[in-house]
Structure formats: structure tokens, C-alpha cells
C-alpha atoms as a PDB file:
ATOM      1  CA  UNK A   1      97.644  93.308  88.877  1.00  0.00           C
ATOM      2  CA  UNK A   2     100.633  87.893  96.157  1.00  0.00           C
ATOM      3  CA  UNK A   3     101.364  84.249  91.430  1.00  0.00           C
ATOM      4  CA  UNK A   4      99.094  81.965  96.057  1.00  0.00           C
ATOM      5  CA  UNK A   5     100.457  82.256  92.762  1.00  0.00           C
ATOM      6  CA  UNK A   6     102.947  85.411  91.805  1.00  0.00           C
ATOM      7  CA  UNK A   7     100.273  85.984  90.389  1.00  0.00           C
ATOM      8  CA  UNK A   8      99.589  82.552  90.085  1.00  0.00           C
ATOM      9  CA  UNK A   9      97.780  82.887  93.400  1.00  0.00           C
ATOM     10  CA  UNK A  10      99.851  87.003  94.342  1.00  0.00           C
ATOM     11  CA  UNK A  11     102.097  86.410  91.284  1.00  0.00           C
ATOM     12  CA  UNK A  12     103.937  82.868  92.340  1.00  0.00           C
ATOM     13  CA  UNK A  13     107.322  83.103  90.202  1.00  0.00           C
ATOM     14  CA  UNK A  14     108.780  80.641  88.571  1.00  0.00           C
ATOM     15  CA  UNK A  15     111.905  79.378  89.403  1.00  0.00           C
ATOM     16  CA  UNK A  16     113.511  81.249  86.142  1.00  0.00           C
ATOM     17  CA  UNK A  17     111.264  84.327  87.051  1.00  0.00           C
ATOM     18  CA  UNK A  18     112.033  84.917  90.860  1.00  0.00           C
ATOM     19  CA  UNK A  19     115.269  86.595  90.042  1.00  0.00           C
ATOM     20  CA  UNK A  20     112.731  89.148  88.730  1.00  0.00           C
ATOM     21  CA  UNK A  21     110.985  89.701  91.826  1.00  0.00           C
ATOM     22  CA  UNK A  22     111.827  93.314  92.709  1.00  0.00           C
ATOM     23  CA  UNK A  23     112.478  96.328  95.361  1.00  0.00           C
ATOM     24  CA  UNK A  24     112.718  99.853  95.164  1.00  0.00           C
ATOM     25  CA  UNK A  25     111.107 102.418  97.195  1.00  0.00           C
ATOM     26  CA  UNK A  26     107.982 104.773  96.073  1.00  0.00           C
ATOM     27  CA  UNK A  27     108.610 108.519  96.321  1.00  0.00           C
ATOM     28  CA  UNK A  28     106.457 110.446  98.509  1.00  0.00           C
ATOM     29  CA  UNK A  29     106.257 111.012 102.688  1.00  0.00           C
ATOM     30  CA  UNK A  30     106.550 107.467 104.572  1.00  0.00           C
ATOM     31  CA  UNK A  31     108.255 105.250 102.219  1.00  0.00           C
ATOM     32  CA  UNK A  32     111.484 103.669 101.976  1.00  0.00           C
ATOM     33  CA  UNK A  33     114.248 104.380  99.679  1.00  0.00           C
ATOM     34  CA  UNK A  34     116.289 101.321  98.759  1.00  0.00           C
ATOM     35  CA  UNK A  35     119.426 101.275  97.708  1.00  0.00           C
ATOM     36  CA  UNK A  36     121.136  97.646  95.955  1.00  0.00           C
ATOM     37  CA  UNK A  37     124.695  96.786  96.711  1.00  0.00           C
ATOM     38  CA  UNK A  38     127.114  97.360  94.336  1.00  0.00           C
ATOM     39  CA  UNK A  39     128.330  94.547  92.481  1.00  0.00           C
ATOM     40  CA  UNK A  40     131.770  92.162  93.446  1.00  0.00           C
ATOM     41  CA  UNK A  41     133.531  89.510  93.983  1.00  0.00           C
ATOM     42  CA  UNK A  42     132.378  89.462  98.085  1.00  0.00           C
ATOM     43  CA  UNK A  43     129.718  87.342  99.559  1.00  0.00           C
ATOM     44  CA  UNK A  44     126.594  89.275 100.106  1.00  0.00           C
ATOM     45  CA  UNK A  45     125.711  89.790 103.673  1.00  0.00           C
ATOM     46  CA  UNK A  46     123.859  87.222 105.318  1.00  0.00           C
ATOM     47  CA  UNK A  47     120.176  88.446 106.536  1.00  0.00           C
ATOM     48  CA  UNK A  48     120.085  89.996 110.179  1.00  0.00           C
ATOM     49  CA  UNK A  49     118.966  87.275 112.392  1.00  0.00           C
ATOM     50  CA  UNK A  50     116.817  89.726 114.195  1.00  0.00           C
ATOM     51  CA  UNK A  51     114.456  93.180 112.437  1.00  0.00           C
ATOM     52  CA  UNK A  52     114.680  97.295 113.032  1.00  0.00           C
ATOM     53  CA  UNK A  53     111.539  98.267 112.177  1.00  0.00           C
ATOM     54  CA  UNK A  54     110.556 101.396 110.447  1.00  0.00           C
ATOM     55  CA  UNK A  55     107.059 102.946 111.386  1.00  0.00           C
ATOM     56  CA  UNK A  56     105.400 104.022 108.886  1.00  0.00           C
ATOM     57  CA  UNK A  57     107.352 103.220 106.098  1.00  0.00           C
ATOM     58  CA  UNK A  58     107.538 100.982 102.387  1.00  0.00           C
ATOM     59  CA  UNK A  59     108.687  99.626  99.801  1.00  0.00           C
ATOM     60  CA  UNK A  60     107.922  98.844  96.272  1.00  0.00           C
ATOM     61  CA  UNK A  61     108.347  95.076  94.766  1.00  0.00           C
ATOM     62  CA  UNK A  62     109.930  96.176  91.760  1.00  0.00           C
ATOM     63  CA  UNK A  63     112.353  94.098  89.059  1.00  0.00           C
ATOM     64  CA  UNK A  64     115.159  92.752  90.292  1.00  0.00           C
ATOM     65  CA  UNK A  65     114.818  91.350  93.996  1.00  0.00           C
ATOM     66  CA  UNK A  66     113.571  88.986  96.395  1.00  0.00           C
ATOM     67  CA  UNK A  67     111.829  89.324  99.504  1.00  0.00           C
ATOM     68  CA  UNK A  68     115.386  87.706 100.880  1.00  0.00           C
ATOM     69  CA  UNK A  69     116.841  90.852  99.297  1.00  0.00           C
ATOM     70  CA  UNK A  70     114.514  93.550 100.916  1.00  0.00           C
ATOM     71  CA  UNK A  71     114.490  92.213 103.541  1.00  0.00           C
ATOM     72  CA  UNK A  72     118.435  91.866 103.938  1.00  0.00           C
ATOM     73  CA  UNK A  73     118.512  95.399 102.662  1.00  0.00           C
ATOM     74  CA  UNK A  74     116.257  96.734 105.384  1.00  0.00           C
ATOM     75  CA  UNK A  75     117.964  95.082 108.338  1.00  0.00           C
ATOM     76  CA  UNK A  76     114.892  92.816 108.519  1.00  0.00           C
ATOM     77  CA  UNK A  77     114.302  89.373 109.002  1.00  0.00           C
ATOM     78  CA  UNK A  78     112.799  87.596 105.885  1.00  0.00           C
ATOM     79  CA  UNK A  79     110.260  85.862 108.594  1.00  0.00           C
ATOM     80  CA  UNK A  80     109.129  89.360 109.554  1.00  0.00           C
ATOM     81  CA  UNK A  81     109.109  90.729 106.435  1.00  0.00           C
ATOM     82  CA  UNK A  82     107.257  88.359 105.195  1.00  0.00           C
ATOM     83  CA  UNK A  83     105.289  88.249 108.175  1.00  0.00           C
ATOM     84  CA  UNK A  84     104.300  91.736 108.460  1.00  0.00           C
ATOM     85  CA  UNK A  85     102.816  91.588 105.237  1.00  0.00           C
ATOM     86  CA  UNK A  86     100.598  88.434 106.012  1.00  0.00           C
ATOM     87  CA  UNK A  87     102.273  86.212 103.403  1.00  0.00           C
ATOM     88  CA  UNK A  88     102.332  83.038 103.890  1.00  0.00           C
ATOM     89  CA  UNK A  89     105.151  81.896 100.633  1.00  0.00           C
ATOM     90  CA  UNK A  90     107.713  84.762 100.127  1.00  0.00           C
ATOM     91  CA  UNK A  91     107.823  84.102  96.694  1.00  0.00           C
ATOM     92  CA  UNK A  92     104.213  85.358  96.227  1.00  0.00           C
ATOM     93  CA  UNK A  93     105.325  88.760  95.665  1.00  0.00           C
ATOM     94  CA  UNK A  94     104.726  90.836  92.236  1.00  0.00           C
ATOM     95  CA  UNK A  95     105.819  93.718  90.545  1.00  0.00           C
ATOM     96  CA  UNK A  96     103.946  97.077  91.988  1.00  0.00           C
ATOM     97  CA  UNK A  97     103.806  95.751  95.385  1.00  0.00           C
ATOM     98  CA  UNK A  98     103.826  97.459  98.558  1.00  0.00           C
ATOM     99  CA  UNK A  99     105.432  95.825 101.573  1.00  0.00           C
ATOM    100  CA  UNK A 100     105.002  97.183 104.838  1.00  0.00           C
ATOM    101  CA  UNK A 101     108.750  97.371 106.729  1.00  0.00           C
ATOM    102  CA  UNK A 102     106.942  97.308 110.016  1.00  0.00           C
ATOM    103  CA  UNK A 103     104.814  95.344 112.030  1.00  0.00           C
ATOM    104  CA  UNK A 104     100.778  95.929 112.023  1.00  0.00           C
ATOM    105  CA  UNK A 105      98.379  95.178 114.566  1.00  0.00           C
ATOM    106  CA  UNK A 106      98.503  91.295 115.628  1.00  0.00           C
ATOM    107  CA  UNK A 107     101.995  91.116 114.081  1.00  0.00           C
ATOM    108  CA  UNK A 108     105.471  91.817 116.994  1.00  0.00           C
ATOM    109  CA  UNK A 109     109.268  91.977 115.448  1.00  0.00           C
ATOM    110  CA  UNK A 110     110.665  88.811 116.761  1.00  0.00           C
ATOM    111  CA  UNK A 111     113.165  88.566 119.249  1.00  0.00           C
ATOM    112  CA  UNK A 112     116.007  86.243 119.800  1.00  0.00           C
ATOM    113  CA  UNK A 113     116.319  84.246 122.894  1.00  0.00           C
ATOM    114  CA  UNK A 114     119.177  83.911 125.529  1.00  0.00           C
ATOM    115  CA  UNK A 115     120.509  80.969 127.220  1.00  0.00           C
ATOM    116  CA  UNK A 116     121.399  80.765 130.620  1.00  0.00           C
ATOM    117  CA  UNK A 117     124.972  82.277 129.028  1.00  0.00           C
ATOM    118  CA  UNK A 118     123.114  84.995 127.727  1.00  0.00           C
ATOM    119  CA  UNK A 119     124.227  84.278 124.286  1.00  0.00           C
ATOM    120  CA  UNK A 120     121.918  84.730 121.705  1.00  0.00           C
ATOM    121  CA  UNK A 121     119.643  81.979 120.435  1.00  0.00           C
ATOM    122  CA  UNK A 122     116.880  81.446 117.938  1.00  0.00           C
ATOM    123  CA  UNK A 123     113.597  82.926 118.992  1.00  0.00           C
ATOM    124  CA  UNK A 124     111.256  80.251 120.295  1.00  0.00           C
ATOM    125  CA  UNK A 125     108.129  81.593 118.665  1.00  0.00           C
ATOM    126  CA  UNK A 126     107.826  82.783 115.405  1.00  0.00           C
ATOM    127  CA  UNK A 127     106.076  86.691 114.733  1.00  0.00           C
ATOM    128  CA  UNK A 128     102.178  86.320 114.308  1.00  0.00           C
ATOM    129  CA  UNK A 129     101.476  87.497 110.823  1.00  0.00           C
ATOM    130  CA  UNK A 130      98.949  90.446 110.930  1.00  0.00           C
ATOM    131  CA  UNK A 131      95.588  90.313 109.765  1.00  0.00           C
ATOM    132  CA  UNK A 132      95.185  92.098 106.516  1.00  0.00           C
ATOM    133  CA  UNK A 133      92.211  94.412 105.966  1.00  0.00           C
ATOM    134  CA  UNK A 134      89.241  93.444 103.681  1.00  0.00           C
ATOM    135  CA  UNK A 135      88.594  95.333 100.708  1.00  0.00           C
ATOM    136  CA  UNK A 136      86.397  98.410 100.674  1.00  0.00           C
ATOM    137  CA  UNK A 137      83.295  97.578  98.781  1.00  0.00           C
ATOM    138  CA  UNK A 138      83.856 100.560  96.473  1.00  0.00           C
ATOM    139  CA  UNK A 139      87.276 100.757  95.410  1.00  0.00           C
ATOM    140  CA  UNK A 140      86.286 103.854  93.602  1.00  0.00           C
ATOM    141  CA  UNK A 141      88.387 103.340  90.451  1.00  0.00           C
ATOM    142  CA  UNK A 142      85.232 103.163  88.426  1.00  0.00           C
ATOM    143  CA  UNK A 143      85.960  99.843  86.786  1.00  0.00           C
ATOM    144  CA  UNK A 144      84.915  98.612  83.142  1.00  0.00           C
ATOM    145  CA  UNK A 145      84.753  95.536  81.786  1.00  0.00           C
ATOM    146  CA  UNK A 146      88.147  94.458  79.485  1.00  0.00           C
ATOM    147  CA  UNK A 147      86.635  92.520  77.453  1.00  0.00           C
ATOM    148  CA  UNK A 148      84.347  91.385  75.155  1.00  0.00           C
ATOM    149  CA  UNK A 149      83.241  87.959  75.055  1.00  0.00           C
ATOM    150  CA  UNK A 150      81.271  85.065  77.525  1.00  0.00           C
ATOM    151  CA  UNK A 151      81.977  84.651  81.210  1.00  0.00           C
ATOM    152  CA  UNK A 152      83.457  81.059  80.863  1.00  0.00           C
ATOM    153  CA  UNK A 153      85.735  81.238  84.470  1.00  0.00           C
ATOM    154  CA  UNK A 154      85.071  82.304  88.021  1.00  0.00           C
ATOM    155  CA  UNK A 155      86.315  83.517  90.718  1.00  0.00           C
ATOM    156  CA  UNK A 156      86.866  80.833  93.756  1.00  0.00           C
ATOM    157  CA  UNK A 157      88.456  82.364  97.121  1.00  0.00           C
ATOM    158  CA  UNK A 158      91.642  80.088  98.221  1.00  0.00           C
ATOM    159  CA  UNK A 159      92.142  78.270  94.502  1.00  0.00           C
ATOM    160  CA  UNK A 160      95.546  79.241  93.046  1.00  0.00           C
ATOM    161  CA  UNK A 161      94.221  78.603  89.780  1.00  0.00           C
ATOM    162  CA  UNK A 162      90.948  80.733  90.061  1.00  0.00           C
ATOM    163  CA  UNK A 163      92.094  84.403  91.349  1.00  0.00           C
ATOM    164  CA  UNK A 164      90.159  86.048  88.969  1.00  0.00           C
ATOM    165  CA  UNK A 165      87.427  85.426  85.661  1.00  0.00           C
ATOM    166  CA  UNK A 166      87.653  84.425  82.575  1.00  0.00           C
ATOM    167  CA  UNK A 167      86.115  86.127  79.464  1.00  0.00           C
ATOM    168  CA  UNK A 168      86.088  84.110  76.191  1.00  0.00           C
ATOM    169  CA  UNK A 169      87.074  86.242  72.752  1.00  0.00           C
ATOM    170  CA  UNK A 170      89.004  85.482  69.439  1.00  0.00           C
ATOM    171  CA  UNK A 171      92.779  85.943  68.704  1.00  0.00           C
ATOM    172  CA  UNK A 172      93.453  89.660  68.414  1.00  0.00           C
ATOM    173  CA  UNK A 173      90.344  90.731  69.999  1.00  0.00           C
ATOM    174  CA  UNK A 174      90.636  94.289  72.209  1.00  0.00           C
ATOM    175  CA  UNK A 175      92.398  93.783  75.594  1.00  0.00           C
ATOM    176  CA  UNK A 176      91.829  97.401  77.610  1.00  0.00           C
ATOM    177  CA  UNK A 177      92.516  98.708  81.217  1.00  0.00           C
ATOM    178  CA  UNK A 178      90.030  98.141  83.210  1.00  0.00           C
ATOM    179  CA  UNK A 179      90.574 101.803  85.038  1.00  0.00           C
ATOM    180  CA  UNK A 180      93.185 104.054  84.796  1.00  0.00           C
ATOM    181  CA  UNK A 181      96.538 103.893  85.872  1.00  0.00           C
ATOM    182  CA  UNK A 182     100.106 103.091  85.100  1.00  0.00           C
ATOM    183  CA  UNK A 183     101.356 100.247  83.729  1.00  0.00           C
ATOM    184  CA  UNK A 184     104.399  98.258  86.315  1.00  0.00           C
ATOM    185  CA  UNK A 185     104.662  95.261  84.491  1.00  0.00           C
ATOM    186  CA  UNK A 186     104.693  93.573  80.839  1.00  0.00           C
ATOM    187  CA  UNK A 187     105.981  90.948  79.704  1.00  0.00           C
ATOM    188  CA  UNK A 188     105.856  87.008  80.235  1.00  0.00           C
ATOM    189  CA  UNK A 189     107.882  86.335  83.053  1.00  0.00           C
ATOM    190  CA  UNK A 190     105.405  84.223  85.338  1.00  0.00           C
ATOM    191  CA  UNK A 191     104.424  80.895  85.244  1.00  0.00           C
ATOM    192  CA  UNK A 192     100.673  80.430  83.531  1.00  0.00           C
ATOM    193  CA  UNK A 193     100.183  83.490  82.659  1.00  0.00           C
ATOM    194  CA  UNK A 194     101.211  83.536  79.257  1.00  0.00           C
ATOM    195  CA  UNK A 195     102.055  87.448  77.833  1.00  0.00           C
ATOM    196  CA  UNK A 196     100.823  89.586  81.142  1.00  0.00           C
ATOM    197  CA  UNK A 197     100.149  93.198  81.561  1.00  0.00           C
ATOM    198  CA  UNK A 198      99.603  94.703  85.413  1.00  0.00           C
ATOM    199  CA  UNK A 199      98.216  97.875  85.736  1.00  0.00           C
ATOM    200  CA  UNK A 200      98.467  99.833  89.116  1.00  0.00           C
ATOM    201  CA  UNK A 201      95.360 102.121  89.723  1.00  0.00           C
ATOM    202  CA  UNK A 202      96.526 103.416  93.576  1.00  0.00           C
ATOM    203  CA  UNK A 203      98.797 102.345  96.517  1.00  0.00           C
ATOM    204  CA  UNK A 204      96.047  99.596  96.969  1.00  0.00           C
ATOM    205  CA  UNK A 205      94.259  98.200  93.592  1.00  0.00           C
ATOM    206  CA  UNK A 206      96.296  96.534  91.083  1.00  0.00           C
ATOM    207  CA  UNK A 207      94.608  94.823  88.322  1.00  0.00           C
ATOM    208  CA  UNK A 208      96.185  91.689  85.639  1.00  0.00           C
ATOM    209  CA  UNK A 209      95.253  90.766  81.892  1.00  0.00           C
ATOM    210  CA  UNK A 210      96.809  87.739  81.152  1.00  0.00           C
ATOM    211  CA  UNK A 211      96.897  85.304  78.252  1.00  0.00           C
ATOM    212  CA  UNK A 212      97.155  87.867  75.533  1.00  0.00           C
ATOM    213  CA  UNK A 213      98.483  87.217  72.194  1.00  0.00           C
ATOM    214  CA  UNK A 214     100.604  90.777  71.741  1.00  0.00           C
ATOM    215  CA  UNK A 215     101.185  92.792  73.838  1.00  0.00           C
ATOM    216  CA  UNK A 216     100.904  96.937  73.441  1.00  0.00           C
ATOM    217  CA  UNK A 217     102.268  98.880  75.854  1.00  0.00           C
ATOM    218  CA  UNK A 218     105.302  99.191  78.147  1.00  0.00           C
ATOM    219  CA  UNK A 219     105.736  99.336  81.934  1.00  0.00           C
ATOM    220  CA  UNK A 220     106.074 103.087  82.856  1.00  0.00           C
ATOM    221  CA  UNK A 221     103.068 103.862  80.924  1.00  0.00           C
ATOM    222  CA  UNK A 222      99.894 105.439  81.595  1.00  0.00           C
ATOM    223  CA  UNK A 223      97.060 104.444  80.462  1.00  0.00           C
ATOM    224  CA  UNK A 224      93.293 105.686  80.644  1.00  0.00           C
ATOM    225  CA  UNK A 225      90.471 103.121  81.491  1.00  0.00           C
ATOM    226  CA  UNK A 226      89.210 101.942  77.961  1.00  0.00           C
ATOM    227  CA  UNK A 227      92.857 102.372  75.934  1.00  0.00           C
ATOM    228  CA  UNK A 228      93.253  99.102  74.405  1.00  0.00           C
ATOM    229  CA  UNK A 229      96.450  97.683  76.008  1.00  0.00           C
ATOM    230  CA  UNK A 230      96.496  94.066  74.879  1.00  0.00           C
ATOM    231  CA  UNK A 231      95.680  91.940  71.871  1.00  0.00           C
ATOM    232  CA  UNK A 232      93.474  88.763  73.340  1.00  0.00           C
ATOM    233  CA  UNK A 233      95.270  85.325  72.935  1.00  0.00           C
ATOM    234  CA  UNK A 234      95.908  81.871  74.137  1.00  0.00           C
ATOM    235  CA  UNK A 235      99.979  82.439  75.257  1.00  0.00           C
ATOM    236  CA  UNK A 236      99.550  80.026  78.861  1.00  0.00           C
ATOM    237  CA  UNK A 237      96.308  78.565  77.575  1.00  0.00           C
ATOM    238  CA  UNK A 238      94.668  76.205  75.809  1.00  0.00           C
ATOM    239  CA  UNK A 239      91.780  78.792  74.112  1.00  0.00           C
ATOM    240  CA  UNK A 240      91.941  82.159  73.565  1.00  0.00           C
ATOM    241  CA  UNK A 241      90.420  83.909  76.146  1.00  0.00           C
ATOM    242  CA  UNK A 242      91.588  86.499  78.769  1.00  0.00           C
ATOM    243  CA  UNK A 243      92.427  85.788  82.156  1.00  0.00           C
ATOM    244  CA  UNK A 244      91.540  89.456  83.962  1.00  0.00           C
ATOM    245  CA  UNK A 245      92.271  89.529  88.536  1.00  0.00           C
ATOM    246  CA  UNK A 246      91.213  92.564  90.289  1.00  0.00           C
ATOM    247  CA  UNK A 247      93.521  92.936  93.974  1.00  0.00           C
ATOM    248  CA  UNK A 248      93.156  95.167  97.134  1.00  0.00           C
ATOM    249  CA  UNK A 249      96.416  95.562  98.980  1.00  0.00           C
ATOM    250  CA  UNK A 250      97.985  92.276  97.027  1.00  0.00           C
ATOM    251  CA  UNK A 251      94.732  90.441  97.836  1.00  0.00           C
ATOM    252  CA  UNK A 252      92.804  88.672  94.690  1.00  0.00           C
ATOM    253  CA  UNK A 253      89.061  89.900  95.053  1.00  0.00           C
ATOM    254  CA  UNK A 254      86.660  88.791  93.424  1.00  0.00           C
ATOM    255  CA  UNK A 255      86.444  91.385  90.011  1.00  0.00           C
ATOM    256  CA  UNK A 256      82.357  90.528  89.100  1.00  0.00           C
ATOM    257  CA  UNK A 257      82.040  92.320  92.591  1.00  0.00           C
ATOM    258  CA  UNK A 258      83.331  95.501  91.051  1.00  0.00           C
ATOM    259  CA  UNK A 259      82.870  95.309  87.220  1.00  0.00           C
ATOM    260  CA  UNK A 260      79.455  96.944  86.359  1.00  0.00           C
ATOM    261  CA  UNK A 261      76.836  94.504  85.462  1.00  0.00           C
ATOM    262  CA  UNK A 262      76.160  93.551  82.137  1.00  0.00           C
END
């Protein structure tokens, strides 16, 4: 489910958790294979000064790499990689997020400017950020409520602390998957979310479940809608409740627009 926090705002990690922000490749056509550099005493190569776009290719954020490392591996400048994916904060990436390795509409690769001597200098203007497509009205997921209880917090667009909804309950109460998918994160490394679970439903949609007392699923585990995935708690908050988010291409949307009326 960039907290924008990684998940606190598309899941922004703390300094300690930033090293956990990750990169790998989706299996299948049109995705890039990430090769991690082997360990050794030599210093890591610097990030490239100009980008080599990879049209049609993407990479998926997974445990172990930062956006800077991903950019370096794919010979793309960190600024371009952030701009091509509409990231105002380079730390606002999270497990399961798909990053485009080429510019979309309205974004181009930066080019080095040249002076009178012909030597390359720093680009005069930054690349324009791509405008992300709005979330569709129908996700096709068939969402269900992840927990019983009163709604005590609502989504507020642009507010990093209100990127989802809060459902009050009691300690140990069942937290259930809001839709079928695969668990891409199960841990407590993201500041402000306590014991957190993120489920990837498809290449566009994620859901997140925070403040749990106990996590009952592991990363890589497949779940069905309604499966219990955690016990409600108050880790990272002052009361027993579930913090629930839905994200489309990494951007938070109002869960109440997709959950059934009740």
C-alpha cells in the first residue's frame, strides 16, 4: 500500500529505513532486470550526468535500494528518474511501487549544456515532471472493508498525515485484506505506521494497513479478499485503530470512493 510520507505521504521512510527502500524487476515483457553490484572495497560509481532512457521498461521498488541506487544502476540521473515518475520527494518510494525508466508525456531527459569550449556543463533547466494519470472511478478490484468499527479519520488530499482513513476498534480485532493480492511488505520500518502490511493487487493498485498489534502474513504471501492478515493495535498511534490506504500508481486516493457503502 510515495510515507509524502513513504507511505507517510507514498511511504516516506525514516533515515534508518531509507536504506530499506528497494529495487528489482517485474517478471515479464517490458520490464528491466536489476543487477545488484557485488560487494567489494572499491567505491560505488557516481550517478550519471545524463540519462539513457529505456522506453517501455520499468523497475519495481523492493527491499535494499534507494532511488539514487536505482538511477545509477540504470544509467539515469536521479533527477530524471524522479521527474519521470512525478516524485517531488526522492525518498517517497515504497515496496511494490513501479518506476518508469523513460519519460512520459511532458517529461524529457536532461541534456548537458555546452559552453564556448564545447565542454559539457550542468543542464540549464531541470526536466519537467510528468503529469500522472488520475485514478479511474472503477478499480476493478472489488474492495471490501478491512475492519469493523467507527470511521474516526478521513482522507484529506495533500495532507501527508491523512492519506487514508482510520477505523477505530479494539486490541486484537481482525484486520482483513480489502482485496486479493500478494503481500509486498510486512514490517515496522516505516515511521508513523507501526506494524504495517502492504498488499499489491495488480500493477496499479496497492493497499496498506497500519498500526497493527500483530502481523499474520509474510512478504510474498498470496491473500484473498477477507483473509485475516493482522490483529488491530496501536503501534505508531495513541489508540487502537486501523489506518487504511489505497494507492493508484503510488498516489493516495480516498478509500471511501472505492469501499462499499455501509
